[in-house]
């Protein structure tokens, strides 16, 4: 489910993070997979989510905030692909 990839850009934090590539998936599965991946990480960890579903670039950060997680950054990686960096703050 999660994997680190040396070819990806590092998360926007001082510590290394995990990466979840959900390109090709659509809402609501994008957030379900993100939530499950974040739940498996220790507190304070950063998860970078890569998506190509434009609504997910807004919905994942909104849902994560409502769930009590920290949205570190949302940034385009290339046309049609976004990176969403989330820090686990609650279980």
Protein backbone atom coordinates (compact mmCIF):
# COMPACT_ATOMS: atom_id res chain seq x y z
CA UNK A 1 0.00 0.00 0.00
CA UNK A 2 2.72 2.51 0.87
CA UNK A 3 6.17 2.58 -0.55
CA UNK A 4 9.12 4.89 -0.54
CA UNK A 5 10.49 5.86 -3.89
CA UNK A 6 13.95 7.36 -4.27
CA UNK A 7 12.98 8.89 -7.62
CA UNK A 8 10.19 11.00 -6.14
CA UNK A 9 10.70 14.40 -4.58
CA UNK A 10 11.07 14.31 -0.80
CA UNK A 11 8.11 15.40 1.31
CA UNK A 12 8.12 19.02 2.36
CA UNK A 13 9.38 18.26 5.87
CA UNK A 14 12.68 17.65 7.55
CA UNK A 15 12.12 13.89 7.82
CA UNK A 16 11.70 11.26 5.12
CA UNK A 17 8.19 10.08 4.43
CA UNK A 18 6.15 7.36 2.82
CA UNK A 19 4.52 7.66 -0.56
CA UNK A 20 1.14 6.46 -1.80
CA UNK A 21 0.65 6.54 -5.56
CA UNK A 22 -3.09 6.50 -6.31
CA UNK A 23 -2.94 7.64 -9.92
CA UNK A 24 -5.82 6.14 -11.87
CA UNK A 25 -8.16 6.05 -8.87
CA UNK A 26 -11.14 8.35 -8.31
CA UNK A 27 -13.02 9.71 -5.32
CA UNK A 28 -14.07 8.37 -2.84
CA UNK A 29 -11.47 5.59 -3.20
CA UNK A 30 -8.66 8.16 -3.25
CA UNK A 31 -9.43 9.24 0.32
CA UNK A 32 -10.20 5.72 1.55
CA UNK A 33 -6.76 4.53 0.40
CA UNK A 34 -5.12 7.67 1.81
CA UNK A 35 -6.80 7.22 5.20
CA UNK A 36 -5.80 3.55 5.43
CA UNK A 37 -2.20 4.38 4.51
CA UNK A 38 -2.00 7.20 7.05
CA UNK A 39 -3.53 5.03 9.78
CA UNK A 40 -0.72 2.48 9.34
CA UNK A 41 2.00 5.10 9.98
CA UNK A 42 3.36 6.27 13.34
CA UNK A 43 2.29 9.63 14.75
CA UNK A 44 4.14 12.56 13.19
CA UNK A 45 4.91 10.70 9.96
CA UNK A 46 4.50 12.41 6.61
CA UNK A 47 2.65 10.67 3.80
CA UNK A 48 3.00 11.95 0.24
CA UNK A 49 -0.04 11.10 -1.87
CA UNK A 50 0.36 11.27 -5.65
CA UNK A 51 -2.89 11.66 -7.60
CA UNK A 52 -3.99 12.41 -11.12
CA UNK A 53 -7.65 12.88 -10.17
CA UNK A 54 -8.14 16.67 -9.97
CA UNK A 55 -11.06 16.56 -7.49
CA UNK A 56 -8.86 14.49 -5.14
CA UNK A 57 -6.33 17.34 -5.03
CA UNK A 58 -9.01 19.31 -3.15
CA UNK A 59 -11.03 16.53 -1.47
CA UNK A 60 -8.16 14.66 0.18
CA UNK A 61 -6.77 17.77 1.95
CA UNK A 62 -10.27 18.86 3.02
CA UNK A 63 -11.16 15.41 4.37
CA UNK A 64 -7.77 14.99 6.07
CA UNK A 65 -8.21 18.33 7.85
CA UNK A 66 -11.72 17.35 8.98
CA UNK A 67 -10.24 14.08 10.28
CA UNK A 68 -7.64 16.06 12.30
CA UNK A 69 -4.56 15.49 10.16
CA UNK A 70 -2.16 18.23 9.06
CA UNK A 71 -1.97 19.21 5.41
CA UNK A 72 1.69 20.09 4.90
CA UNK A 73 1.45 20.95 1.21
CA UNK A 74 -0.50 20.44 -2.00
CA UNK A 75 1.53 21.04 -5.14
CA UNK A 76 1.40 20.18 -8.82
CA UNK A 77 4.19 17.81 -9.85
CA UNK A 78 3.42 18.04 -13.57
CA UNK A 79 0.33 18.86 -15.63
CA UNK A 80 -2.52 16.78 -14.22
CA UNK A 81 -0.54 15.25 -11.32
CA UNK A 82 -0.54 16.53 -7.74
CA UNK A 83 1.44 15.73 -4.59
CA UNK A 84 -0.40 16.03 -1.29
CA UNK A 85 1.79 15.88 1.82
CA UNK A 86 -0.04 14.96 5.02
CA UNK A 87 1.32 14.67 8.56
CA UNK A 88 -0.37 12.20 10.90
CA UNK A 89 -1.63 14.09 13.96
CA UNK A 90 -4.43 11.80 15.21
CA UNK A 91 -5.11 8.07 15.14
